[in-house]
N, C-alpha and C. Protein backbone atom coordinates (compact mmCIF):
# COMPACT_ATOMS: atom_id res chain seq x y z
N MET A 1 -10.43 -9.26 20.00
CA MET A 1 -9.60 -8.39 19.20
C MET A 1 -10.22 -7.00 19.16
N PRO A 2 -9.48 -5.94 19.36
CA PRO A 2 -10.04 -4.61 19.32
C PRO A 2 -10.55 -4.26 17.93
N ILE A 3 -11.48 -3.33 17.89
CA ILE A 3 -12.10 -2.95 16.62
C ILE A 3 -11.08 -2.42 15.63
N GLY A 4 -10.03 -1.80 16.11
CA GLY A 4 -9.05 -1.22 15.20
C GLY A 4 -8.06 -2.21 14.63
N THR A 5 -8.10 -3.43 15.10
CA THR A 5 -7.14 -4.43 14.65
C THR A 5 -7.46 -4.88 13.24
N ASN A 6 -6.47 -4.91 12.39
CA ASN A 6 -6.65 -5.39 11.03
C ASN A 6 -5.60 -6.46 10.78
N THR A 7 -6.03 -7.68 10.73
CA THR A 7 -5.08 -8.78 10.59
C THR A 7 -4.71 -8.98 9.14
N SER A 8 -3.53 -9.51 8.93
CA SER A 8 -3.12 -9.82 7.56
C SER A 8 -3.96 -10.96 7.02
N GLN A 9 -4.51 -11.77 7.92
CA GLN A 9 -5.37 -12.87 7.50
C GLN A 9 -6.58 -12.34 6.74
N SER A 10 -7.11 -11.18 7.14
CA SER A 10 -8.29 -10.65 6.49
C SER A 10 -8.03 -10.34 5.02
N LYS A 11 -6.83 -10.01 4.69
CA LYS A 11 -6.49 -9.68 3.31
C LYS A 11 -6.37 -10.95 2.45
N GLN A 12 -6.18 -12.10 3.11
CA GLN A 12 -5.95 -13.34 2.39
C GLN A 12 -7.20 -14.18 2.21
N ARG A 13 -8.30 -13.81 2.85
CA ARG A 13 -9.52 -14.60 2.76
C ARG A 13 -10.07 -14.56 1.35
N ARG A 14 -10.69 -15.68 0.97
CA ARG A 14 -11.33 -15.77 -0.33
C ARG A 14 -12.82 -15.80 -0.11
N PRO A 15 -13.61 -15.31 -1.04
CA PRO A 15 -15.06 -15.30 -0.84
C PRO A 15 -15.63 -16.71 -0.90
N ALA A 16 -16.76 -16.86 -0.24
CA ALA A 16 -17.48 -18.12 -0.30
C ALA A 16 -18.36 -18.09 -1.55
N THR A 17 -17.99 -18.83 -2.55
CA THR A 17 -18.77 -18.88 -3.77
C THR A 17 -19.50 -20.20 -3.85
N LYS A 18 -20.41 -20.31 -4.78
CA LYS A 18 -21.17 -21.54 -4.93
C LYS A 18 -20.27 -22.73 -5.22
N ALA A 19 -19.09 -22.47 -5.74
CA ALA A 19 -18.17 -23.55 -6.06
C ALA A 19 -17.48 -24.12 -4.82
N ARG A 20 -17.51 -23.36 -3.72
CA ARG A 20 -16.86 -23.85 -2.50
C ARG A 20 -17.67 -24.95 -1.87
N SER A 21 -16.98 -25.85 -1.22
CA SER A 21 -17.68 -26.96 -0.57
C SER A 21 -18.36 -26.48 0.69
N ALA A 22 -19.38 -27.21 1.11
CA ALA A 22 -20.12 -26.86 2.31
C ALA A 22 -19.24 -27.04 3.54
N SER A 23 -19.46 -26.21 4.52
CA SER A 23 -18.70 -26.28 5.75
C SER A 23 -19.16 -27.46 6.58
N SER A 24 -18.23 -28.06 7.28
CA SER A 24 -18.59 -29.17 8.16
C SER A 24 -18.87 -28.65 9.56
N SER A 25 -19.03 -27.34 9.68
CA SER A 25 -19.27 -26.72 10.97
C SER A 25 -20.60 -27.16 11.56
N GLN A 26 -20.64 -27.15 12.88
CA GLN A 26 -21.88 -27.46 13.56
C GLN A 26 -22.65 -26.19 13.86
N THR A 27 -22.10 -25.02 13.51
CA THR A 27 -22.77 -23.75 13.72
C THR A 27 -23.99 -23.69 12.82
N LYS A 28 -25.09 -23.20 13.37
CA LYS A 28 -26.32 -23.09 12.60
C LYS A 28 -26.09 -22.21 11.38
N GLN A 29 -26.51 -22.70 10.23
CA GLN A 29 -26.30 -21.96 8.99
C GLN A 29 -27.28 -20.80 8.89
N GLN A 30 -26.78 -19.64 8.50
CA GLN A 30 -27.61 -18.46 8.35
C GLN A 30 -27.04 -17.62 7.21
N ASP A 31 -27.91 -17.10 6.41
CA ASP A 31 -27.54 -16.20 5.33
C ASP A 31 -26.72 -15.04 5.90
N ALA A 32 -25.60 -14.73 5.25
CA ALA A 32 -24.69 -13.69 5.73
C ALA A 32 -25.38 -12.34 5.88
N ILE A 33 -26.18 -11.99 4.91
CA ILE A 33 -26.84 -10.68 4.96
C ILE A 33 -27.85 -10.64 6.10
N LYS A 34 -28.58 -11.70 6.30
CA LYS A 34 -29.53 -11.74 7.43
C LYS A 34 -28.79 -11.63 8.76
N LEU A 35 -27.66 -12.31 8.88
CA LEU A 35 -26.87 -12.24 10.10
C LEU A 35 -26.43 -10.80 10.36
N LEU A 36 -25.91 -10.13 9.34
CA LEU A 36 -25.45 -8.75 9.50
C LEU A 36 -26.61 -7.81 9.81
N MET A 37 -27.75 -8.05 9.18
CA MET A 37 -28.92 -7.21 9.44
C MET A 37 -29.44 -7.43 10.87
N ASN A 38 -29.35 -8.65 11.37
CA ASN A 38 -29.72 -8.90 12.76
C ASN A 38 -28.81 -8.13 13.71
N ASP A 39 -27.52 -8.07 13.39
CA ASP A 39 -26.58 -7.26 14.18
C ASP A 39 -26.99 -5.80 14.15
N HIS A 40 -27.37 -5.31 12.98
CA HIS A 40 -27.82 -3.92 12.85
C HIS A 40 -29.00 -3.66 13.76
N ASP A 41 -29.97 -4.57 13.74
CA ASP A 41 -31.17 -4.42 14.58
C ASP A 41 -30.83 -4.42 16.07
N GLU A 42 -29.88 -5.28 16.45
CA GLU A 42 -29.46 -5.36 17.85
C GLU A 42 -28.86 -4.04 18.32
N VAL A 43 -28.00 -3.46 17.50
CA VAL A 43 -27.35 -2.20 17.89
C VAL A 43 -28.37 -1.06 17.91
N GLU A 44 -29.29 -1.06 16.96
CA GLU A 44 -30.33 -0.04 16.95
C GLU A 44 -31.15 -0.10 18.25
N ALA A 45 -31.49 -1.30 18.69
CA ALA A 45 -32.24 -1.46 19.93
C ALA A 45 -31.43 -0.95 21.13
N LEU A 46 -30.13 -1.19 21.12
CA LEU A 46 -29.28 -0.71 22.21
C LEU A 46 -29.22 0.82 22.23
N PHE A 47 -29.15 1.44 21.07
CA PHE A 47 -29.17 2.91 21.02
C PHE A 47 -30.49 3.44 21.59
N LYS A 48 -31.59 2.78 21.30
CA LYS A 48 -32.89 3.20 21.85
C LYS A 48 -32.91 3.05 23.37
N GLN A 49 -32.32 1.98 23.87
CA GLN A 49 -32.22 1.80 25.33
C GLN A 49 -31.41 2.92 25.96
N PHE A 50 -30.33 3.30 25.29
CA PHE A 50 -29.49 4.38 25.81
C PHE A 50 -30.30 5.67 25.91
N GLN A 51 -31.08 5.96 24.89
CA GLN A 51 -31.89 7.20 24.90
C GLN A 51 -32.88 7.20 26.05
N LYS A 52 -33.38 6.04 26.44
CA LYS A 52 -34.34 5.94 27.54
C LYS A 52 -33.66 5.99 28.91
N ALA A 53 -32.37 5.76 28.96
CA ALA A 53 -31.66 5.69 30.24
C ALA A 53 -31.56 7.04 30.93
N LYS A 54 -31.75 8.12 30.21
CA LYS A 54 -31.70 9.50 30.75
C LYS A 54 -30.46 9.74 31.60
N ASN A 55 -30.65 9.98 32.90
CA ASN A 55 -29.54 10.39 33.77
C ASN A 55 -28.94 9.26 34.60
N ASN A 56 -29.23 8.03 34.25
CA ASN A 56 -28.69 6.90 35.00
C ASN A 56 -27.32 6.52 34.42
N GLY A 57 -26.26 7.05 35.05
CA GLY A 57 -24.90 6.86 34.54
C GLY A 57 -24.47 5.42 34.45
N ARG A 58 -24.78 4.60 35.45
CA ARG A 58 -24.37 3.19 35.43
C ARG A 58 -25.08 2.44 34.31
N GLN A 59 -26.38 2.72 34.14
CA GLN A 59 -27.14 2.06 33.08
C GLN A 59 -26.61 2.48 31.71
N LYS A 60 -26.32 3.77 31.55
CA LYS A 60 -25.75 4.27 30.30
C LYS A 60 -24.43 3.58 29.99
N ALA A 61 -23.56 3.49 30.99
CA ALA A 61 -22.25 2.87 30.79
C ALA A 61 -22.40 1.41 30.37
N ASP A 62 -23.34 0.70 31.00
CA ASP A 62 -23.56 -0.70 30.64
C ASP A 62 -24.05 -0.83 29.20
N ILE A 63 -24.95 0.04 28.80
CA ILE A 63 -25.48 -0.01 27.44
C ILE A 63 -24.40 0.35 26.43
N VAL A 64 -23.61 1.37 26.73
CA VAL A 64 -22.53 1.78 25.82
C VAL A 64 -21.51 0.66 25.70
N GLU A 65 -21.24 -0.04 26.79
CA GLU A 65 -20.31 -1.18 26.73
C GLU A 65 -20.86 -2.25 25.76
N GLN A 66 -22.15 -2.51 25.83
CA GLN A 66 -22.77 -3.49 24.93
C GLN A 66 -22.73 -3.00 23.48
N ILE A 67 -22.98 -1.71 23.27
CA ILE A 67 -22.92 -1.13 21.93
C ILE A 67 -21.51 -1.28 21.36
N CYS A 68 -20.53 -0.91 22.16
CA CYS A 68 -19.13 -0.97 21.70
C CYS A 68 -18.72 -2.41 21.39
N GLN A 69 -19.12 -3.36 22.23
CA GLN A 69 -18.77 -4.76 21.97
C GLN A 69 -19.45 -5.24 20.70
N ALA A 70 -20.73 -4.94 20.55
CA ALA A 70 -21.46 -5.39 19.36
C ALA A 70 -20.86 -4.80 18.09
N LEU A 71 -20.53 -3.51 18.12
CA LEU A 71 -19.94 -2.86 16.94
C LEU A 71 -18.54 -3.39 16.66
N THR A 72 -17.78 -3.66 17.70
CA THR A 72 -16.42 -4.18 17.53
C THR A 72 -16.45 -5.53 16.84
N VAL A 73 -17.28 -6.42 17.34
CA VAL A 73 -17.37 -7.77 16.77
C VAL A 73 -17.93 -7.70 15.35
N HIS A 74 -18.97 -6.89 15.16
CA HIS A 74 -19.59 -6.76 13.84
C HIS A 74 -18.58 -6.24 12.81
N ALA A 75 -17.85 -5.20 13.17
CA ALA A 75 -16.85 -4.64 12.25
C ALA A 75 -15.77 -5.66 11.94
N GLU A 76 -15.36 -6.40 12.94
CA GLU A 76 -14.30 -7.39 12.75
C GLU A 76 -14.72 -8.45 11.74
N ILE A 77 -15.94 -8.99 11.89
CA ILE A 77 -16.36 -10.05 10.96
C ILE A 77 -16.60 -9.49 9.57
N GLU A 78 -17.06 -8.26 9.49
CA GLU A 78 -17.22 -7.66 8.16
C GLU A 78 -15.87 -7.46 7.49
N GLU A 79 -14.92 -6.90 8.23
CA GLU A 79 -13.62 -6.58 7.64
C GLU A 79 -12.78 -7.82 7.34
N GLU A 80 -12.87 -8.82 8.18
CA GLU A 80 -12.09 -10.05 7.96
C GLU A 80 -12.68 -10.94 6.88
N ILE A 81 -14.01 -11.03 6.86
CA ILE A 81 -14.66 -12.06 6.04
C ILE A 81 -15.58 -11.47 4.98
N PHE A 82 -16.55 -10.65 5.41
CA PHE A 82 -17.59 -10.22 4.49
C PHE A 82 -17.08 -9.24 3.43
N TYR A 83 -16.38 -8.20 3.84
CA TYR A 83 -15.93 -7.20 2.88
C TYR A 83 -14.99 -7.77 1.82
N PRO A 84 -13.99 -8.58 2.20
CA PRO A 84 -13.14 -9.16 1.15
C PRO A 84 -13.94 -10.01 0.16
N ALA A 85 -14.88 -10.80 0.67
CA ALA A 85 -15.71 -11.64 -0.21
C ALA A 85 -16.59 -10.76 -1.10
N ALA A 86 -17.15 -9.71 -0.52
CA ALA A 86 -18.01 -8.80 -1.29
C ALA A 86 -17.20 -8.05 -2.35
N ARG A 87 -16.02 -7.60 -1.97
CA ARG A 87 -15.15 -6.90 -2.93
C ARG A 87 -14.85 -7.77 -4.14
N GLU A 88 -14.49 -9.02 -3.88
CA GLU A 88 -14.16 -9.92 -4.98
C GLU A 88 -15.40 -10.21 -5.83
N ALA A 89 -16.52 -10.45 -5.19
CA ALA A 89 -17.75 -10.77 -5.92
C ALA A 89 -18.25 -9.59 -6.75
N LEU A 90 -18.13 -8.38 -6.22
CA LEU A 90 -18.62 -7.18 -6.91
C LEU A 90 -17.64 -6.67 -7.96
N GLY A 91 -16.35 -6.93 -7.76
CA GLY A 91 -15.35 -6.44 -8.69
C GLY A 91 -15.31 -4.92 -8.73
N GLU A 92 -14.95 -4.38 -9.87
CA GLU A 92 -14.81 -2.93 -10.02
C GLU A 92 -16.10 -2.18 -9.78
N LYS A 93 -17.23 -2.78 -10.14
CA LYS A 93 -18.51 -2.07 -10.00
C LYS A 93 -18.88 -1.81 -8.54
N GLY A 94 -18.25 -2.51 -7.60
CA GLY A 94 -18.55 -2.30 -6.19
C GLY A 94 -17.45 -1.60 -5.43
N GLU A 95 -16.41 -1.18 -6.15
CA GLU A 95 -15.24 -0.61 -5.50
C GLU A 95 -15.58 0.62 -4.66
N ASP A 96 -16.36 1.56 -5.21
CA ASP A 96 -16.71 2.77 -4.46
C ASP A 96 -17.53 2.45 -3.22
N THR A 97 -18.48 1.55 -3.36
CA THR A 97 -19.32 1.15 -2.23
C THR A 97 -18.48 0.56 -1.12
N MET A 98 -17.58 -0.32 -1.47
CA MET A 98 -16.75 -0.99 -0.47
C MET A 98 -15.75 -0.02 0.17
N ASP A 99 -15.18 0.87 -0.63
CA ASP A 99 -14.25 1.87 -0.09
C ASP A 99 -14.97 2.77 0.93
N GLU A 100 -16.16 3.20 0.57
CA GLU A 100 -16.92 4.07 1.47
C GLU A 100 -17.26 3.35 2.77
N ALA A 101 -17.63 2.09 2.68
CA ALA A 101 -17.95 1.32 3.88
C ALA A 101 -16.74 1.23 4.82
N GLU A 102 -15.57 1.03 4.25
CA GLU A 102 -14.37 0.94 5.08
C GLU A 102 -14.02 2.28 5.73
N VAL A 103 -14.23 3.39 5.01
CA VAL A 103 -14.00 4.71 5.59
C VAL A 103 -14.98 4.96 6.73
N GLU A 104 -16.24 4.57 6.53
CA GLU A 104 -17.25 4.73 7.58
C GLU A 104 -16.87 3.90 8.81
N HIS A 105 -16.35 2.70 8.59
CA HIS A 105 -15.90 1.89 9.73
C HIS A 105 -14.83 2.63 10.51
N GLY A 106 -13.92 3.29 9.82
CA GLY A 106 -12.86 4.02 10.51
C GLY A 106 -13.41 5.10 11.43
N ALA A 107 -14.40 5.84 10.96
CA ALA A 107 -15.01 6.89 11.78
C ALA A 107 -15.73 6.28 12.99
N ILE A 108 -16.44 5.21 12.75
CA ILE A 108 -17.16 4.54 13.84
C ILE A 108 -16.18 4.00 14.87
N LYS A 109 -15.10 3.39 14.41
CA LYS A 109 -14.09 2.84 15.32
C LYS A 109 -13.51 3.93 16.21
N GLY A 110 -13.26 5.09 15.64
CA GLY A 110 -12.72 6.20 16.42
C GLY A 110 -13.63 6.58 17.57
N LEU A 111 -14.92 6.67 17.30
CA LEU A 111 -15.87 7.01 18.37
C LEU A 111 -16.00 5.87 19.38
N VAL A 112 -15.97 4.64 18.92
CA VAL A 112 -16.03 3.50 19.83
C VAL A 112 -14.85 3.56 20.80
N GLU A 113 -13.65 3.80 20.27
CA GLU A 113 -12.46 3.89 21.12
C GLU A 113 -12.59 5.02 22.14
N GLN A 114 -13.11 6.17 21.70
CA GLN A 114 -13.29 7.30 22.62
C GLN A 114 -14.28 6.94 23.74
N LEU A 115 -15.36 6.25 23.37
CA LEU A 115 -16.36 5.88 24.37
C LEU A 115 -15.86 4.80 25.32
N GLN A 116 -15.01 3.92 24.83
CA GLN A 116 -14.46 2.89 25.71
C GLN A 116 -13.55 3.49 26.77
N ASP A 117 -12.98 4.64 26.49
CA ASP A 117 -12.10 5.32 27.43
C ASP A 117 -12.82 6.40 28.24
N ALA A 118 -14.12 6.54 28.04
CA ALA A 118 -14.88 7.63 28.66
C ALA A 118 -15.78 7.13 29.78
N SER A 119 -16.32 8.09 30.50
CA SER A 119 -17.26 7.82 31.59
C SER A 119 -18.55 8.59 31.29
N PRO A 120 -19.69 8.08 31.75
CA PRO A 120 -20.95 8.80 31.53
C PRO A 120 -20.94 10.20 32.13
N ASP A 121 -20.01 10.47 33.03
CA ASP A 121 -19.90 11.79 33.63
C ASP A 121 -19.14 12.77 32.74
N ASP A 122 -18.44 12.25 31.72
CA ASP A 122 -17.69 13.12 30.82
C ASP A 122 -18.64 14.06 30.09
N GLU A 123 -18.16 15.26 29.89
CA GLU A 123 -18.97 16.32 29.29
C GLU A 123 -19.54 15.95 27.93
N MET A 124 -18.77 15.27 27.10
CA MET A 124 -19.20 14.99 25.72
C MET A 124 -19.72 13.55 25.53
N TYR A 125 -19.92 12.83 26.61
CA TYR A 125 -20.31 11.41 26.53
C TYR A 125 -21.58 11.22 25.71
N ASP A 126 -22.65 11.89 26.11
CA ASP A 126 -23.93 11.73 25.42
C ASP A 126 -23.83 12.18 23.96
N ALA A 127 -23.08 13.25 23.72
CA ALA A 127 -22.91 13.75 22.35
C ALA A 127 -22.18 12.71 21.49
N LYS A 128 -21.18 12.08 22.06
CA LYS A 128 -20.44 11.05 21.31
C LYS A 128 -21.33 9.86 20.99
N VAL A 129 -22.17 9.46 21.95
CA VAL A 129 -23.08 8.35 21.69
C VAL A 129 -24.08 8.73 20.60
N LYS A 130 -24.57 9.97 20.65
CA LYS A 130 -25.52 10.42 19.64
C LYS A 130 -24.89 10.43 18.25
N VAL A 131 -23.67 10.93 18.14
CA VAL A 131 -22.99 10.97 16.85
C VAL A 131 -22.67 9.55 16.38
N LEU A 132 -22.27 8.69 17.30
CA LEU A 132 -22.02 7.29 16.95
C LEU A 132 -23.30 6.67 16.38
N CYS A 133 -24.42 6.93 17.02
CA CYS A 133 -25.70 6.42 16.54
C CYS A 133 -25.99 6.94 15.12
N GLU A 134 -25.74 8.21 14.89
CA GLU A 134 -25.97 8.79 13.56
C GLU A 134 -25.05 8.16 12.52
N TYR A 135 -23.78 7.96 12.85
CA TYR A 135 -22.85 7.33 11.92
C TYR A 135 -23.28 5.90 11.60
N VAL A 136 -23.64 5.16 12.65
CA VAL A 136 -24.05 3.77 12.46
C VAL A 136 -25.33 3.71 11.63
N THR A 137 -26.28 4.59 11.93
CA THR A 137 -27.54 4.62 11.17
C THR A 137 -27.28 4.88 9.70
N HIS A 138 -26.40 5.82 9.39
CA HIS A 138 -26.04 6.12 8.00
C HIS A 138 -25.37 4.91 7.35
N HIS A 139 -24.44 4.31 8.05
CA HIS A 139 -23.70 3.15 7.53
C HIS A 139 -24.66 1.99 7.25
N VAL A 140 -25.55 1.72 8.16
CA VAL A 140 -26.53 0.63 8.01
C VAL A 140 -27.43 0.91 6.80
N LYS A 141 -27.86 2.14 6.67
CA LYS A 141 -28.72 2.51 5.53
C LYS A 141 -28.01 2.24 4.21
N GLU A 142 -26.74 2.57 4.13
CA GLU A 142 -25.98 2.34 2.90
C GLU A 142 -25.73 0.86 2.65
N GLU A 143 -25.40 0.12 3.71
CA GLU A 143 -25.20 -1.32 3.52
C GLU A 143 -26.49 -2.00 3.07
N GLU A 144 -27.57 -1.74 3.80
CA GLU A 144 -28.82 -2.42 3.52
C GLU A 144 -29.49 -1.92 2.24
N GLY A 145 -29.27 -0.65 1.90
CA GLY A 145 -29.93 -0.08 0.72
C GLY A 145 -29.13 -0.17 -0.57
N THR A 146 -27.81 -0.26 -0.46
CA THR A 146 -26.96 -0.26 -1.65
C THR A 146 -26.11 -1.52 -1.76
N MET A 147 -25.29 -1.77 -0.73
CA MET A 147 -24.34 -2.87 -0.80
C MET A 147 -25.03 -4.24 -0.85
N PHE A 148 -25.91 -4.50 0.10
CA PHE A 148 -26.53 -5.82 0.17
C PHE A 148 -27.31 -6.19 -1.10
N PRO A 149 -28.12 -5.27 -1.64
CA PRO A 149 -28.82 -5.63 -2.89
C PRO A 149 -27.85 -5.97 -4.03
N LYS A 150 -26.73 -5.27 -4.12
CA LYS A 150 -25.74 -5.57 -5.15
C LYS A 150 -25.14 -6.96 -4.94
N ILE A 151 -24.86 -7.28 -3.68
CA ILE A 151 -24.25 -8.57 -3.37
C ILE A 151 -25.21 -9.72 -3.66
N LYS A 152 -26.48 -9.50 -3.40
CA LYS A 152 -27.48 -10.55 -3.66
C LYS A 152 -27.54 -10.93 -5.14
N LYS A 153 -27.11 -10.03 -6.00
CA LYS A 153 -27.14 -10.29 -7.46
C LYS A 153 -25.89 -11.02 -7.94
N THR A 154 -24.95 -11.29 -7.03
CA THR A 154 -23.71 -12.00 -7.42
C THR A 154 -23.88 -13.49 -7.14
N ASP A 155 -22.83 -14.26 -7.46
CA ASP A 155 -22.87 -15.70 -7.19
C ASP A 155 -22.28 -16.05 -5.82
N LEU A 156 -22.12 -15.07 -4.96
CA LEU A 156 -21.58 -15.29 -3.63
C LEU A 156 -22.53 -16.22 -2.85
N ASP A 157 -21.99 -17.28 -2.28
CA ASP A 157 -22.78 -18.22 -1.49
C ASP A 157 -23.00 -17.61 -0.11
N LEU A 158 -24.15 -16.98 0.07
CA LEU A 158 -24.43 -16.25 1.31
C LEU A 158 -24.64 -17.17 2.50
N ASP A 159 -25.09 -18.40 2.26
CA ASP A 159 -25.25 -19.35 3.36
C ASP A 159 -23.89 -19.80 3.89
N GLU A 160 -23.00 -20.15 2.98
CA GLU A 160 -21.65 -20.56 3.39
C GLU A 160 -20.93 -19.40 4.07
N LEU A 161 -21.06 -18.21 3.50
CA LEU A 161 -20.43 -17.03 4.08
C LEU A 161 -21.03 -16.73 5.45
N GLY A 162 -22.33 -16.91 5.59
CA GLY A 162 -23.00 -16.69 6.87
C GLY A 162 -22.48 -17.63 7.94
N THR A 163 -22.25 -18.87 7.56
CA THR A 163 -21.69 -19.85 8.50
C THR A 163 -20.31 -19.41 8.97
N GLU A 164 -19.50 -18.96 8.03
CA GLU A 164 -18.15 -18.49 8.36
C GLU A 164 -18.22 -17.25 9.28
N LEU A 165 -19.14 -16.33 8.98
CA LEU A 165 -19.31 -15.14 9.81
C LEU A 165 -19.74 -15.53 11.23
N MET A 166 -20.69 -16.44 11.33
CA MET A 166 -21.20 -16.85 12.65
C MET A 166 -20.13 -17.55 13.47
N GLU A 167 -19.33 -18.37 12.83
CA GLU A 167 -18.23 -19.05 13.53
C GLU A 167 -17.26 -18.02 14.10
N ARG A 168 -16.89 -17.06 13.29
CA ARG A 168 -15.94 -16.03 13.73
C ARG A 168 -16.56 -15.13 14.79
N LYS A 169 -17.83 -14.80 14.63
CA LYS A 169 -18.52 -13.96 15.61
C LYS A 169 -18.55 -14.66 16.96
N THR A 170 -18.87 -15.94 16.96
CA THR A 170 -18.90 -16.72 18.20
C THR A 170 -17.53 -16.73 18.85
N GLU A 171 -16.50 -16.91 18.04
CA GLU A 171 -15.12 -16.89 18.53
C GLU A 171 -14.78 -15.54 19.16
N LEU A 172 -15.12 -14.47 18.47
CA LEU A 172 -14.82 -13.12 18.99
C LEU A 172 -15.61 -12.80 20.26
N MET A 173 -16.84 -13.22 20.32
CA MET A 173 -17.65 -12.98 21.50
C MET A 173 -17.03 -13.68 22.71
N GLY A 174 -16.46 -14.85 22.48
CA GLY A 174 -15.76 -15.56 23.55
C GLY A 174 -14.54 -14.80 24.02
N GLU A 175 -13.81 -14.19 23.06
CA GLU A 175 -12.61 -13.41 23.39
C GLU A 175 -12.97 -12.14 24.13
N GLU A 176 -14.15 -11.58 23.83
CA GLU A 176 -14.56 -10.31 24.42
C GLU A 176 -15.08 -10.48 25.85
N GLN A 177 -15.47 -11.67 26.22
CA GLN A 177 -16.04 -11.90 27.55
C GLN A 177 -14.95 -11.82 28.62
N PRO A 178 -15.25 -11.17 29.75
CA PRO A 178 -14.28 -11.14 30.84
C PRO A 178 -14.11 -12.54 31.42
N GLU A 179 -12.88 -12.86 31.80
CA GLU A 179 -12.60 -14.20 32.34
C GLU A 179 -12.83 -14.25 33.83
């Protein structure tokens, strides 16, 4: 699913709370916040690889493709599953944080779409990657420094939510792979 896709299903999801039953999934259980932070680390490493690629256009294009795929899948699982659960768990006190995160996703999605249609030979290619890195870095800082600590103080079942995120991530990664 493209990063810009917003399904009606995402609006209907309910948060994973301690009252919910455990998933019968065979997917390895992982805390939702740890899973999202691992995604953050993966994308950060890819941005560093891009910076080292210098003038190798093919290598840059391959790295940008990986960055775009990782961000697309990450945004999708956050918007479909994590953000609705976080919004409900945080209530009004988290409204500004969640609104800002969604606006930041919109800006990131726009750059991802531009890069997916671009070539390393394009005049603004490197600049777009640099700005994307800056946007992502800012977004990650806010999630990890503000949103995640607030969520940890709620009754949201992060293990159950992590399982749901991992299942969906695995599904999306399968959809993103060329056949």
